[in-house]
Amino acid sequence: MVDRTTRWPEVVPLSLTTSAEVARMFVSSWVSRFGVSLDLTSDRGPQFMSVSWTAVAENLKVNLHRTATYHPEANGLCERFHRTIKVLLRASLVRWVDGCLGSFWACVQKDLESSSAELVLG
């Protein structure tokens, strides 16, 4: 998950990617810390197209936006993050997510002229 405004990424390891599990982790790891987003962009994976995911979004009053089929560029920020995190995780499985995310949070974003951590944490 990546916040478009601050570029703040989060990674949640999942053993299952069912819509129920993705929704549960979204609420427990993102919403519980950052609050409810007004808008959420996702691909058209089955977990994001399900009735249960749509129901969770409706209950949270989140506007769902889905990218065009076979057009991952429409969600390029998140797709690029996924590609980069996979490379980092293959290189350092021992450190897992914490070290990888710390690097992203501290990295200065040229277009924002600050790091995600500075924008989120002050």
PDB file of N, CA and C in Angstrom:
ATOM      1  N   MET A   1       0.849  -1.168   0.000  1.00  0.00           N
ATOM      2  CA  MET A   1       0.000   0.000   0.000  1.00  0.00           C
ATOM      3  C   MET A   1       0.894   1.231   0.000  1.00  0.00           C
ATOM      4  N   VAL A   2       0.498   2.236  -0.754  1.00  0.00           N
ATOM      5  CA  VAL A   2       1.271   3.470  -0.823  1.00  0.00           C
ATOM      6  C   VAL A   2       0.308   4.647  -0.805  1.00  0.00           C
ATOM      7  N   ASP A   3       0.569   5.603   0.083  1.00  0.00           N
ATOM      8  CA  ASP A   3      -0.208   6.833   0.118  1.00  0.00           C
ATOM      9  C   ASP A   3       0.300   7.737  -0.995  1.00  0.00           C
ATOM     10  N   ARG A   4      -0.558   8.179  -1.878  1.00  0.00           N
ATOM     11  CA  ARG A   4      -0.126   8.993  -3.020  1.00  0.00           C
ATOM     12  C   ARG A   4       0.384  10.372  -2.613  1.00  0.00           C
ATOM     13  N   THR A   5      -0.155  10.940  -1.568  1.00  0.00           N
ATOM     14  CA  THR A   5       0.228  12.291  -1.173  1.00  0.00           C
ATOM     15  C   THR A   5       1.615  12.342  -0.562  1.00  0.00           C
ATOM     16  N   THR A   6       1.908  11.428   0.349  1.00  0.00           N
ATOM     17  CA  THR A   6       3.187  11.451   1.070  1.00  0.00           C
ATOM     18  C   THR A   6       4.173  10.411   0.567  1.00  0.00           C
ATOM     19  N   ARG A   7       3.720   9.496  -0.278  1.00  0.00           N
ATOM     20  CA  ARG A   7       4.514   8.358  -0.774  1.00  0.00           C
ATOM     21  C   ARG A   7       4.853   7.373   0.353  1.00  0.00           C
ATOM     22  N   TRP A   8       4.115   7.403   1.455  1.00  0.00           N
ATOM     23  CA  TRP A   8       4.354   6.513   2.595  1.00  0.00           C
ATOM     24  C   TRP A   8       3.910   5.098   2.221  1.00  0.00           C
ATOM     25  N   PRO A   9       4.842   4.135   2.199  1.00  0.00           N
ATOM     26  CA  PRO A   9       4.467   2.760   1.881  1.00  0.00           C
ATOM     27  C   PRO A   9       4.289   1.907   3.133  1.00  0.00           C
ATOM     28  N   GLU A  10       3.468   0.922   3.038  1.00  0.00           N
ATOM     29  CA  GLU A  10       3.300  -0.089   4.084  1.00  0.00           C
ATOM     30  C   GLU A  10       3.309  -1.456   3.422  1.00  0.00           C
ATOM     31  N   VAL A  11       3.853  -2.425   4.117  1.00  0.00           N
ATOM     32  CA  VAL A  11       3.868  -3.801   3.638  1.00  0.00           C
ATOM     33  C   VAL A  11       3.300  -4.687   4.735  1.00  0.00           C
ATOM     34  N   VAL A  12       2.390  -5.553   4.364  1.00  0.00           N
ATOM     35  CA  VAL A  12       1.797  -6.485   5.315  1.00  0.00           C
ATOM     36  C   VAL A  12       1.943  -7.890   4.738  1.00  0.00           C
ATOM     37  N   PRO A  13       2.700  -8.751   5.401  1.00  0.00           N
ATOM     38  CA  PRO A  13       2.827 -10.117   4.890  1.00  0.00           C
ATOM     39  C   PRO A  13       1.517 -10.887   5.064  1.00  0.00           C
ATOM     40  N   LEU A  14       1.071 -11.505   3.998  1.00  0.00           N
ATOM     41  CA  LEU A  14      -0.174 -12.274   4.021  1.00  0.00           C
ATOM     42  C   LEU A  14       0.093 -13.699   3.561  1.00  0.00           C
ATOM     43  N   SER A  15      -0.478 -14.655   4.253  1.00  0.00           N
ATOM     44  CA  SER A  15      -0.372 -16.040   3.789  1.00  0.00           C
ATOM     45  C   SER A  15      -1.488 -16.349   2.796  1.00  0.00           C
ATOM     46  N   LEU A  16      -2.587 -15.631   2.892  1.00  0.00           N
ATOM     47  CA  LEU A  16      -3.708 -15.760   1.963  1.00  0.00           C
ATOM     48  C   LEU A  16      -4.036 -14.391   1.400  1.00  0.00           C
ATOM     49  N   THR A  17      -4.471 -14.339   0.154  1.00  0.00           N
ATOM     50  CA  THR A  17      -4.860 -13.055  -0.425  1.00  0.00           C
ATOM     51  C   THR A  17      -6.345 -13.052  -0.778  1.00  0.00           C
ATOM     52  N   THR A  18      -7.137 -13.658   0.071  1.00  0.00           N
ATOM     53  CA  THR A  18      -8.584 -13.618  -0.125  1.00  0.00           C
ATOM     54  C   THR A  18      -9.084 -12.207   0.167  1.00  0.00           C
ATOM     55  N   SER A  19     -10.244 -11.887  -0.335  1.00  0.00           N
ATOM     56  CA  SER A  19     -10.783 -10.550  -0.100  1.00  0.00           C
ATOM     57  C   SER A  19     -11.005 -10.300   1.384  1.00  0.00           C
ATOM     58  N   ALA A  20     -11.436 -11.306   2.115  1.00  0.00           N
ATOM     59  CA  ALA A  20     -11.662 -11.140   3.557  1.00  0.00           C
ATOM     60  C   ALA A  20     -10.357 -10.855   4.288  1.00  0.00           C
ATOM     61  N   GLU A  21      -9.295 -11.574   3.943  1.00  0.00           N
ATOM     62  CA  GLU A  21      -7.999 -11.370   4.594  1.00  0.00           C
ATOM     63  C   GLU A  21      -7.402 -10.014   4.223  1.00  0.00           C
ATOM     64  N   VAL A  22      -7.494  -9.639   2.961  1.00  0.00           N
ATOM     65  CA  VAL A  22      -6.975  -8.335   2.524  1.00  0.00           C
ATOM     66  C   VAL A  22      -7.745  -7.213   3.212  1.00  0.00           C
ATOM     67  N   ALA A  23      -9.052  -7.326   3.291  1.00  0.00           N
ATOM     68  CA  ALA A  23      -9.867  -6.306   3.962  1.00  0.00           C
ATOM     69  C   ALA A  23      -9.521  -6.215   5.441  1.00  0.00           C
ATOM     70  N   ARG A  24      -9.366  -7.368   6.087  1.00  0.00           N
ATOM     71  CA  ARG A  24      -9.017  -7.381   7.517  1.00  0.00           C
ATOM     72  C   ARG A  24      -7.670  -6.707   7.754  1.00  0.00           C
ATOM     73  N   MET A  25      -6.690  -7.027   6.932  1.00  0.00           N
ATOM     74  CA  MET A  25      -5.363  -6.434   7.100  1.00  0.00           C
ATOM     75  C   MET A  25      -5.365  -4.948   6.739  1.00  0.00           C
ATOM     76  N   PHE A  26      -6.156  -4.555   5.756  1.00  0.00           N
ATOM     77  CA  PHE A  26      -6.251  -3.139   5.410  1.00  0.00           C
ATOM     78  C   PHE A  26      -6.778  -2.344   6.604  1.00  0.00           C
ATOM     79  N   VAL A  27      -7.831  -2.840   7.219  1.00  0.00           N
ATOM     80  CA  VAL A  27      -8.417  -2.144   8.368  1.00  0.00           C
ATOM     81  C   VAL A  27      -7.469  -2.167   9.563  1.00  0.00           C
ATOM     82  N   SER A  28      -6.865  -3.316   9.844  1.00  0.00           N
ATOM     83  CA  SER A  28      -6.021  -3.424  11.044  1.00  0.00           C
ATOM     84  C   SER A  28      -4.653  -2.775  10.886  1.00  0.00           C
ATOM     85  N   SER A  29      -4.128  -2.683   9.671  1.00  0.00           N
ATOM     86  CA  SER A  29      -2.788  -2.119   9.526  1.00  0.00           C
ATOM     87  C   SER A  29      -2.777  -0.706   8.955  1.00  0.00           C
ATOM     88  N   TRP A  30      -3.738  -0.335   8.148  1.00  0.00           N
ATOM     89  CA  TRP A  30      -3.723   1.003   7.556  1.00  0.00           C
ATOM     90  C   TRP A  30      -4.738   1.912   8.247  1.00  0.00           C
ATOM     91  N   VAL A  31      -5.981   1.519   8.235  1.00  0.00           N
ATOM     92  CA  VAL A  31      -7.048   2.357   8.796  1.00  0.00           C
ATOM     93  C   VAL A  31      -6.828   2.601  10.280  1.00  0.00           C
ATOM     94  N   SER A  32      -6.372   1.599  11.010  1.00  0.00           N
ATOM     95  CA  SER A  32      -6.173   1.764  12.454  1.00  0.00           C
ATOM     96  C   SER A  32      -5.077   2.775  12.773  1.00  0.00           C
ATOM     97  N   ARG A  33      -4.120   2.953  11.867  1.00  0.00           N
ATOM     98  CA  ARG A  33      -3.026   3.907  12.113  1.00  0.00           C
ATOM     99  C   ARG A  33      -3.232   5.255  11.458  1.00  0.00           C
ATOM    100  N   PHE A  34      -3.784   5.253  10.257  1.00  0.00           N
ATOM    101  CA  PHE A  34      -3.854   6.491   9.488  1.00  0.00           C
ATOM    102  C   PHE A  34      -5.267   7.013   9.287  1.00  0.00           C
ATOM    103  N   GLY A  35      -6.252   6.239   9.665  1.00  0.00           N
ATOM    104  CA  GLY A  35      -7.628   6.640   9.438  1.00  0.00           C
ATOM    105  C   GLY A  35      -8.112   6.170   8.078  1.00  0.00           C
ATOM    106  N   VAL A  36      -9.341   6.493   7.780  1.00  0.00           N
ATOM    107  CA  VAL A  36      -9.968   6.044   6.542  1.00  0.00           C
ATOM    108  C   VAL A  36      -9.585   6.984   5.409  1.00  0.00           C
ATOM    109  N   SER A  37      -9.159   6.410   4.313  1.00  0.00           N
ATOM    110  CA  SER A  37      -8.847   7.191   3.117  1.00  0.00           C
ATOM    111  C   SER A  37     -10.146   7.551   2.407  1.00  0.00           C
ATOM    112  N   LEU A  38     -10.149   8.689   1.743  1.00  0.00           N
ATOM    113  CA  LEU A  38     -11.325   9.060   0.966  1.00  0.00           C
ATOM    114  C   LEU A  38     -11.422   8.234  -0.302  1.00  0.00           C
ATOM    115  N   ASP A  39     -10.260   7.972  -0.904  1.00  0.00           N
ATOM    116  CA  ASP A  39     -10.202   7.235  -2.160  1.00  0.00           C
ATOM    117  C   ASP A  39      -9.192   6.113  -2.051  1.00  0.00           C
ATOM    118  N   LEU A  40      -9.451   5.031  -2.761  1.00  0.00           N
ATOM    119  CA  LEU A  40      -8.545   3.893  -2.776  1.00  0.00           C
ATOM    120  C   LEU A  40      -8.475   3.365  -4.201  1.00  0.00           C
ATOM    121  N   THR A  41      -7.267   3.307  -4.728  1.00  0.00           N
ATOM    122  CA  THR A  41      -7.049   2.784  -6.073  1.00  0.00           C
ATOM    123  C   THR A  41      -6.444   1.400  -5.968  1.00  0.00           C
ATOM    124  N   SER A  42      -6.973   0.468  -6.732  1.00  0.00           N
ATOM    125  CA  SER A  42      -6.438  -0.896  -6.744  1.00  0.00           C
ATOM    126  C   SER A  42      -6.497  -1.442  -8.162  1.00  0.00           C
ATOM    127  N   ASP A  43      -5.831  -2.577  -8.340  1.00  0.00           N
ATOM    128  CA  ASP A  43      -5.962  -3.266  -9.614  1.00  0.00           C
ATOM    129  C   ASP A  43      -7.277  -4.052  -9.606  1.00  0.00           C
ATOM    130  N   ARG A  44      -7.462  -4.861 -10.601  1.00  0.00           N
ATOM    131  CA  ARG A  44      -8.708  -5.626 -10.705  1.00  0.00           C
ATOM    132  C   ARG A  44      -8.525  -7.076 -10.277  1.00  0.00           C
ATOM    133  N   GLY A  45      -7.654  -7.273  -9.291  1.00  0.00           N
ATOM    134  CA  GLY A  45      -7.482  -8.614  -8.741  1.00  0.00           C
ATOM    135  C   GLY A  45      -8.777  -9.083  -8.111  1.00  0.00           C
ATOM    136  N   PRO A  46      -8.976 -10.396  -8.038  1.00  0.00           N
ATOM    137  CA  PRO A  46     -10.245 -10.917  -7.507  1.00  0.00           C
ATOM    138  C   PRO A  46     -10.544 -10.459  -6.083  1.00  0.00           C
ATOM    139  N   GLN A  47      -9.507 -10.237  -5.275  1.00  0.00           N
ATOM    140  CA  GLN A  47      -9.743  -9.796  -3.901  1.00  0.00           C
ATOM    141  C   GLN A  47     -10.295  -8.373  -3.850  1.00  0.00           C
ATOM    142  N   PHE A  48     -10.033  -7.569  -4.898  1.00  0.00           N
ATOM    143  CA  PHE A  48     -10.520  -6.189  -4.924  1.00  0.00           C
ATOM    144  C   PHE A  48     -11.813  -6.034  -5.725  1.00  0.00           C
ATOM    145  N   MET A  49     -12.228  -7.090  -6.398  1.00  0.00           N
ATOM    146  CA  MET A  49     -13.458  -7.049  -7.189  1.00  0.00           C
ATOM    147  C   MET A  49     -14.616  -7.737  -6.470  1.00  0.00           C
ATOM    148  N   SER A  50     -14.354  -8.291  -5.316  1.00  0.00           N
ATOM    149  CA  SER A  50     -15.361  -9.093  -4.616  1.00  0.00           C
ATOM    150  C   SER A  50     -16.432  -8.232  -3.945  1.00  0.00           C
ATOM    151  N   VAL A  51     -17.532  -8.868  -3.666  1.00  0.00           N
ATOM    152  CA  VAL A  51     -18.641  -8.220  -2.965  1.00  0.00           C
ATOM    153  C   VAL A  51     -18.214  -7.834  -1.551  1.00  0.00           C
ATOM    154  N   SER A  52     -17.438  -8.696  -0.897  1.00  0.00           N
ATOM    155  CA  SER A  52     -17.037  -8.400   0.488  1.00  0.00           C
ATOM    156  C   SER A  52     -16.104  -7.191   0.558  1.00  0.00           C
ATOM    157  N   TRP A  53     -15.176  -7.041  -0.404  1.00  0.00           N
ATOM    158  CA  TRP A  53     -14.281  -5.875  -0.423  1.00  0.00           C
ATOM    159  C   TRP A  53     -15.089  -4.605  -0.669  1.00  0.00           C
ATOM    160  N   THR A  54     -16.024  -4.680  -1.600  1.00  0.00           N
ATOM    161  CA  THR A  54     -16.878  -3.529  -1.891  1.00  0.00           C
ATOM    162  C   THR A  54     -17.713  -3.161  -0.668  1.00  0.00           C
ATOM    163  N   ALA A  55     -18.189  -4.143   0.061  1.00  0.00           N
ATOM    164  CA  ALA A  55     -18.983  -3.889   1.269  1.00  0.00           C
ATOM    165  C   ALA A  55     -18.140  -3.208   2.343  1.00  0.00           C
ATOM    166  N   VAL A  56     -16.897  -3.640   2.511  1.00  0.00           N
ATOM    167  CA  VAL A  56     -16.001  -2.995   3.482  1.00  0.00           C
ATOM    168  C   VAL A  56     -15.787  -1.539   3.087  1.00  0.00           C
ATOM    169  N   ALA A  57     -15.540  -1.298   1.804  1.00  0.00           N
ATOM    170  CA  ALA A  57     -15.334   0.073   1.329  1.00  0.00           C
ATOM    171  C   ALA A  57     -16.579   0.930   1.558  1.00  0.00           C
ATOM    172  N   GLU A  58     -17.738   0.378   1.298  1.00  0.00           N
ATOM    173  CA  GLU A  58     -18.983   1.120   1.519  1.00  0.00           C
ATOM    174  C   GLU A  58     -19.179   1.438   2.996  1.00  0.00           C
ATOM    175  N   ASN A  59     -18.887   0.481   3.873  1.00  0.00           N
ATOM    176  CA  ASN A  59     -19.013   0.714   5.315  1.00  0.00           C
ATOM    177  C   ASN A  59     -18.059   1.798   5.794  1.00  0.00           C
ATOM    178  N   LEU A  60     -16.865   1.852   5.192  1.00  0.00           N
ATOM    179  CA  LEU A  60     -15.878   2.868   5.569  1.00  0.00           C
ATOM    180  C   LEU A  60     -16.074   4.179   4.806  1.00  0.00           C
ATOM    181  N   LYS A  61     -17.002   4.174   3.845  1.00  0.00           N
ATOM    182  CA  LYS A  61     -17.266   5.333   2.987  1.00  0.00           C
ATOM    183  C   LYS A  61     -16.032   5.718   2.165  1.00  0.00           C
ATOM    184  N   VAL A  62     -15.407   4.700   1.599  1.00  0.00           N
ATOM    185  CA  VAL A  62     -14.232   4.872   0.747  1.00  0.00           C
ATOM    186  C   VAL A  62     -14.672   4.764  -0.707  1.00  0.00           C
ATOM    187  N   ASN A  63     -14.220   5.716  -1.529  1.00  0.00           N
ATOM    188  CA  ASN A  63     -14.490   5.650  -2.964  1.00  0.00           C
ATOM    189  C   ASN A  63     -13.469   4.727  -3.608  1.00  0.00           C
ATOM    190  N   LEU A  64     -13.935   3.647  -4.213  1.00  0.00           N
ATOM    191  CA  LEU A  64     -13.036   2.697  -4.860  1.00  0.00           C
ATOM    192  C   LEU A  64     -12.791   3.104  -6.306  1.00  0.00           C
ATOM    193  N   HIS A  65     -11.537   3.054  -6.706  1.00  0.00           N
ATOM    194  CA  HIS A  65     -11.137   3.295  -8.089  1.00  0.00           C
ATOM    195  C   HIS A  65     -10.326   2.087  -8.517  1.00  0.00           C
ATOM    196  N   ARG A  66     -10.692   1.515  -9.632  1.00  0.00           N
ATOM    197  CA  ARG A  66      -9.972   0.337 -10.114  1.00  0.00           C
ATOM    198  C   ARG A  66      -9.308   0.677 -11.436  1.00  0.00           C
ATOM    199  N   THR A  67      -8.070   0.230 -11.575  1.00  0.00           N
ATOM    200  CA  THR A  67      -7.331   0.506 -12.803  1.00  0.00           C
ATOM    201  C   THR A  67      -7.930  -0.299 -13.952  1.00  0.00           C
ATOM    202  N   ALA A  68      -7.629   0.144 -15.151  1.00  0.00           N
ATOM    203  CA  ALA A  68      -8.095  -0.576 -16.332  1.00  0.00           C
ATOM    204  C   ALA A  68      -7.431  -1.951 -16.392  1.00  0.00           C
ATOM    205  N   THR A  69      -8.141  -2.905 -16.917  1.00  0.00           N
ATOM    206  CA  THR A  69      -7.610  -4.258 -17.040  1.00  0.00           C
ATOM    207  C   THR A  69      -6.349  -4.250 -17.889  1.00  0.00           C
ATOM    208  N   TYR A  70      -5.344  -4.987 -17.437  1.00  0.00           N
ATOM    209  CA  TYR A  70      -4.057  -5.107 -18.126  1.00  0.00           C
ATOM    210  C   TYR A  70      -3.377  -3.762 -18.337  1.00  0.00           C
ATOM    211  N   HIS A  71      -3.573  -2.838 -17.420  1.00  0.00           N
ATOM    212  CA  HIS A  71      -2.932  -1.522 -17.527  1.00  0.00           C
ATOM    213  C   HIS A  71      -2.393  -1.110 -16.158  1.00  0.00           C
ATOM    214  N   PRO A  72      -1.332  -1.787 -15.679  1.00  0.00           N
ATOM    215  CA  PRO A  72      -0.800  -1.486 -14.348  1.00  0.00           C
ATOM    216  C   PRO A  72      -0.218  -0.079 -14.229  1.00  0.00           C
ATOM    217  N   GLU A  73       0.092   0.551 -15.364  1.00  0.00           N
ATOM    218  CA  GLU A  73       0.642   1.905 -15.332  1.00  0.00           C
ATOM    219  C   GLU A  73      -0.314   2.896 -14.682  1.00  0.00           C
ATOM    220  N   ALA A  74      -1.590   2.586 -14.677  1.00  0.00           N
ATOM    221  CA  ALA A  74      -2.576   3.474 -14.066  1.00  0.00           C
ATOM    222  C   ALA A  74      -2.378   3.591 -12.558  1.00  0.00           C
ATOM    223  N   ASN A  75      -1.700   2.628 -11.970  1.00  0.00           N
ATOM    224  CA  ASN A  75      -1.375   2.662 -10.546  1.00  0.00           C
ATOM    225  C   ASN A  75       0.142   2.518 -10.409  1.00  0.00           C
ATOM    226  N   GLY A  76       0.853   3.299 -11.204  1.00  0.00           N
ATOM    227  CA  GLY A  76       2.301   3.168 -11.334  1.00  0.00           C
ATOM    228  C   GLY A  76       3.079   3.314 -10.042  1.00  0.00           C
ATOM    229  N   LEU A  77       2.673   4.214  -9.168  1.00  0.00           N
ATOM    230  CA  LEU A  77       3.380   4.428  -7.907  1.00  0.00           C
ATOM    231  C   LEU A  77       3.408   3.141  -7.084  1.00  0.00           C
ATOM    232  N   CYS A  78       2.278   2.508  -6.952  1.00  0.00           N
ATOM    233  CA  CYS A  78       2.191   1.273  -6.170  1.00  0.00           C
ATOM    234  C   CYS A  78       2.875   0.112  -6.895  1.00  0.00           C
ATOM    235  N   GLU A  79       2.709   0.028  -8.202  1.00  0.00           N
ATOM    236  CA  GLU A  79       3.341  -1.051  -8.965  1.00  0.00           C
ATOM    237  C   GLU A  79       4.862  -0.959  -8.881  1.00  0.00           C
ATOM    238  N   ARG A  80       5.391   0.246  -8.974  1.00  0.00           N
ATOM    239  CA  ARG A  80       6.841   0.428  -8.874  1.00  0.00           C
ATOM    240  C   ARG A  80       7.328   0.059  -7.476  1.00  0.00           C
ATOM    241  N   PHE A  81       6.579   0.426  -6.462  1.00  0.00           N
ATOM    242  CA  PHE A  81       6.945   0.067  -5.096  1.00  0.00           C
ATOM    243  C   PHE A  81       6.976  -1.446  -4.935  1.00  0.00           C
ATOM    244  N   HIS A  82       5.974  -2.135  -5.461  1.00  0.00           N
ATOM    245  CA  HIS A  82       5.940  -3.601  -5.374  1.00  0.00           C
ATOM    246  C   HIS A  82       7.172  -4.215  -6.029  1.00  0.00           C
ATOM    247  N   ARG A  83       7.530  -3.714  -7.191  1.00  0.00           N
ATOM    248  CA  ARG A  83       8.696  -4.244  -7.897  1.00  0.00           C
ATOM    249  C   ARG A  83       9.963  -4.033  -7.083  1.00  0.00           C
ATOM    250  N   THR A  84      10.125  -2.841  -6.518  1.00  0.00           N
ATOM    251  CA  THR A  84      11.322  -2.531  -5.737  1.00  0.00           C
ATOM    252  C   THR A  84      11.375  -3.341  -4.450  1.00  0.00           C
ATOM    253  N   ILE A  85      10.263  -3.465  -3.751  1.00  0.00           N
ATOM    254  CA  ILE A  85      10.264  -4.197  -2.478  1.00  0.00           C
ATOM    255  C   ILE A  85      10.573  -5.671  -2.704  1.00  0.00           C
ATOM    256  N   LYS A  86      10.129  -6.230  -3.821  1.00  0.00           N
ATOM    257  CA  LYS A  86      10.450  -7.627  -4.130  1.00  0.00           C
ATOM    258  C   LYS A  86      11.952  -7.816  -4.299  1.00  0.00           C
ATOM    259  N   VAL A  87      12.601  -6.887  -4.978  1.00  0.00           N
ATOM    260  CA  VAL A  87      14.057  -6.963  -5.155  1.00  0.00           C
ATOM    261  C   VAL A  87      14.756  -6.858  -3.809  1.00  0.00           C
ATOM    262  N   LEU A  88      14.341  -5.915  -2.980  1.00  0.00           N
ATOM    263  CA  LEU A  88      14.962  -5.735  -1.667  1.00  0.00           C
ATOM    264  C   LEU A  88      14.758  -6.953  -0.773  1.00  0.00           C
ATOM    265  N   LEU A  89      13.594  -7.531  -0.812  1.00  0.00           N
ATOM    266  CA  LEU A  89      13.314  -8.694   0.033  1.00  0.00           C
ATOM    267  C   LEU A  89      14.109  -9.919  -0.407  1.00  0.00           C
ATOM    268  N   ARG A  90      14.293 -10.072  -1.705  1.00  0.00           N
ATOM    269  CA  ARG A  90      15.116 -11.186  -2.181  1.00  0.00           C
ATOM    270  C   ARG A  90      16.559 -11.025  -1.730  1.00  0.00           C
ATOM    271  N   ALA A  91      17.019  -9.787  -1.658  1.00  0.00           N
ATOM    272  CA  ALA A  91      18.405  -9.525  -1.276  1.00  0.00           C
ATOM    273  C   ALA A  91      18.630  -9.647   0.225  1.00  0.00           C
ATOM    274  N   SER A  92      17.603  -9.443   1.034  1.00  0.00           N
ATOM    275  CA  SER A  92      17.800  -9.441   2.487  1.00  0.00           C
ATOM    276  C   SER A  92      16.596 -10.014   3.227  1.00  0.00           C
ATOM    277  N   LEU A  93      16.340 -11.280   3.054  1.00  0.00           N
ATOM    278  CA  LEU A  93      15.183 -11.895   3.708  1.00  0.00           C
ATOM    279  C   LEU A  93      15.271 -11.866   5.224  1.00  0.00           C
ATOM    280  N   VAL A  94      16.479 -11.831   5.767  1.00  0.00           N
ATOM    281  CA  VAL A  94      16.634 -11.856   7.221  1.00  0.00           C
ATOM    282  C   VAL A  94      16.026 -10.610   7.850  1.00  0.00           C
ATOM    283  N   ARG A  95      16.249  -9.459   7.241  1.00  0.00           N
ATOM    284  CA  ARG A  95      15.749  -8.199   7.810  1.00  0.00           C
ATOM    285  C   ARG A  95      14.271  -7.993   7.538  1.00  0.00           C
ATOM    286  N   TRP A  96      13.759  -8.744   6.606  1.00  0.00           N
ATOM    287  CA  TRP A  96      12.365  -8.692   6.193  1.00  0.00           C
ATOM    288  C   TRP A  96      11.911  -7.277   5.936  1.00  0.00           C
ATOM    289  N   VAL A  97      10.770  -6.914   6.388  1.00  0.00           N
ATOM    290  CA  VAL A  97      10.141  -5.668   5.982  1.00  0.00           C
ATOM    291  C   VAL A  97      10.703  -4.445   6.693  1.00  0.00           C
ATOM    292  N   ASP A  98      11.021  -4.552   7.967  1.00  0.00           N
ATOM    293  CA  ASP A  98      11.397  -3.372   8.749  1.00  0.00           C
ATOM    294  C   ASP A  98      12.525  -2.567   8.120  1.00  0.00           C
ATOM    295  N   GLY A  99      13.597  -3.224   7.766  1.00  0.00           N
ATOM    296  CA  GLY A  99      14.721  -2.517   7.165  1.00  0.00           C
ATOM    297  C   GLY A  99      14.390  -1.931   5.814  1.00  0.00           C
ATOM    298  N   CYS A 100      13.633  -2.672   5.024  1.00  0.00           N
ATOM    299  CA  CYS A 100      13.249  -2.188   3.696  1.00  0.00           C
ATOM    300  C   CYS A 100      12.354  -0.958   3.794  1.00  0.00           C
ATOM    301  N   LEU A 101      11.370  -1.019   4.665  1.00  0.00           N
ATOM    302  CA  LEU A 101      10.463   0.120   4.807  1.00  0.00           C
ATOM    303  C   LEU A 101      11.167   1.339   5.375  1.00  0.00           C
ATOM    304  N   GLY A 102      12.079   1.124   6.312  1.00  0.00           N
ATOM    305  CA  GLY A 102      12.830   2.247   6.867  1.00  0.00           C
ATOM    306  C   GLY A 102      13.566   3.012   5.788  1.00  0.00           C
ATOM    307  N   SER A 103      14.102   2.299   4.819  1.00  0.00           N
ATOM    308  CA  SER A 103      14.791   2.945   3.701  1.00  0.00           C
ATOM    309  C   SER A 103      13.834   3.790   2.880  1.00  0.00           C
ATOM    310  N   PHE A 104      12.665   3.260   2.613  1.00  0.00           N
ATOM    311  CA  PHE A 104      11.676   4.022   1.847  1.00  0.00           C
ATOM    312  C   PHE A 104      11.198   5.249   2.610  1.00  0.00           C
ATOM    313  N   TRP A 105      10.918   5.069   3.900  1.00  0.00           N
ATOM    314  CA  TRP A 105      10.407   6.186   4.698  1.00  0.00           C
ATOM    315  C   TRP A 105      11.401   7.335   4.783  1.00  0.00           C
ATOM    316  N   ALA A 106      12.692   7.014   4.845  1.00  0.00           N
ATOM    317  CA  ALA A 106      13.723   8.039   5.029  1.00  0.00           C
ATOM    318  C   ALA A 106      14.177   8.677   3.724  1.00  0.00           C
ATOM    319  N   CYS A 107      13.907   8.053   2.610  1.00  0.00           N
ATOM    320  CA  CYS A 107      14.378   8.538   1.310  1.00  0.00           C
ATOM    321  C   CYS A 107      13.655   9.829   0.923  1.00  0.00           C
ATOM    322  N   VAL A 108      14.436  10.838   0.549  1.00  0.00           N
ATOM    323  CA  VAL A 108      13.852  12.117   0.128  1.00  0.00           C
ATOM    324  C   VAL A 108      13.249  11.952  -1.266  1.00  0.00           C
ATOM    325  N   GLN A 109      12.008  12.348  -1.406  1.00  0.00           N
ATOM    326  CA  GLN A 109      11.315  12.306  -2.693  1.00  0.00           C
ATOM    327  C   GLN A 109      11.561  13.625  -3.410  1.00  0.00           C
ATOM    328  N   LYS A 110      12.136  13.566  -4.589  1.00  0.00           N
ATOM    329  CA  LYS A 110      12.494  14.795  -5.303  1.00  0.00           C
ATOM    330  C   LYS A 110      11.295  15.706  -5.537  1.00  0.00           C
ATOM    331  N   ASP A 111      10.186  15.134  -5.982  1.00  0.00           N
ATOM    332  CA  ASP A 111       9.024  15.970  -6.279  1.00  0.00           C
ATOM    333  C   ASP A 111       8.381  16.560  -5.027  1.00  0.00           C
ATOM    334  N   LEU A 112       8.551  15.893  -3.877  1.00  0.00           N
ATOM    335  CA  LEU A 112       7.989  16.392  -2.620  1.00  0.00           C
ATOM    336  C   LEU A 112       8.983  17.234  -1.830  1.00  0.00           C
ATOM    337  N   GLU A 113      10.260  17.129  -2.186  1.00  0.00           N
ATOM    338  CA  GLU A 113      11.355  17.832  -1.519  1.00  0.00           C
ATOM    339  C   GLU A 113      11.451  17.494  -0.033  1.00  0.00           C
ATOM    340  N   SER A 114      11.023  16.303   0.331  1.00  0.00           N
ATOM    341  CA  SER A 114      11.161  15.804   1.698  1.00  0.00           C
ATOM    342  C   SER A 114      10.908  14.300   1.685  1.00  0.00           C
ATOM    343  N   SER A 115      11.160  13.678   2.819  1.00  0.00           N
ATOM    344  CA  SER A 115      10.926  12.235   2.910  1.00  0.00           C
ATOM    345  C   SER A 115       9.485  11.967   3.333  1.00  0.00           C
ATOM    346  N   SER A 116       9.049  10.752   3.091  1.00  0.00           N
ATOM    347  CA  SER A 116       7.708  10.353   3.535  1.00  0.00           C
ATOM    348  C   SER A 116       7.599  10.450   5.050  1.00  0.00           C
ATOM    349  N   ALA A 117       8.670  10.049   5.739  1.00  0.00           N
ATOM    350  CA  ALA A 117       8.665  10.108   7.204  1.00  0.00           C
ATOM    351  C   ALA A 117       8.487  11.536   7.699  1.00  0.00           C
ATOM    352  N   GLU A 118       9.148  12.468   7.051  1.00  0.00           N
ATOM    353  CA  GLU A 118       9.029  13.872   7.457  1.00  0.00           C
ATOM    354  C   GLU A 118       7.601  14.379   7.250  1.00  0.00           C
ATOM    355  N   LEU A 119       6.977  13.978   6.151  1.00  0.00           N
ATOM    356  CA  LEU A 119       5.611  14.420   5.873  1.00  0.00           C
ATOM    357  C   LEU A 119       4.585  13.781   6.806  1.00  0.00           C
ATOM    358  N   VAL A 120       4.794  12.513   7.152  1.00  0.00           N
ATOM    359  CA  VAL A 120       3.823  11.809   7.992  1.00  0.00           C
ATOM    360  C   VAL A 120       4.057  12.067   9.475  1.00  0.00           C
ATOM    361  N   LEU A 121       5.325  12.022   9.883  1.00  0.00           N
ATOM    362  CA  LEU A 121       5.652  12.107  11.309  1.00  0.00           C
ATOM    363  C   LEU A 121       6.043  13.504  11.783  1.00  0.00           C
ATOM    364  N   GLY A 122       6.338  14.368  10.832  1.00  0.00           N
ATOM    365  CA  GLY A 122       6.705  15.738  11.194  1.00  0.00           C
ATOM    366  C   GLY A 122       8.167  15.978  11.329  1.00  0.00           C
TER     367      GLY A 122
END
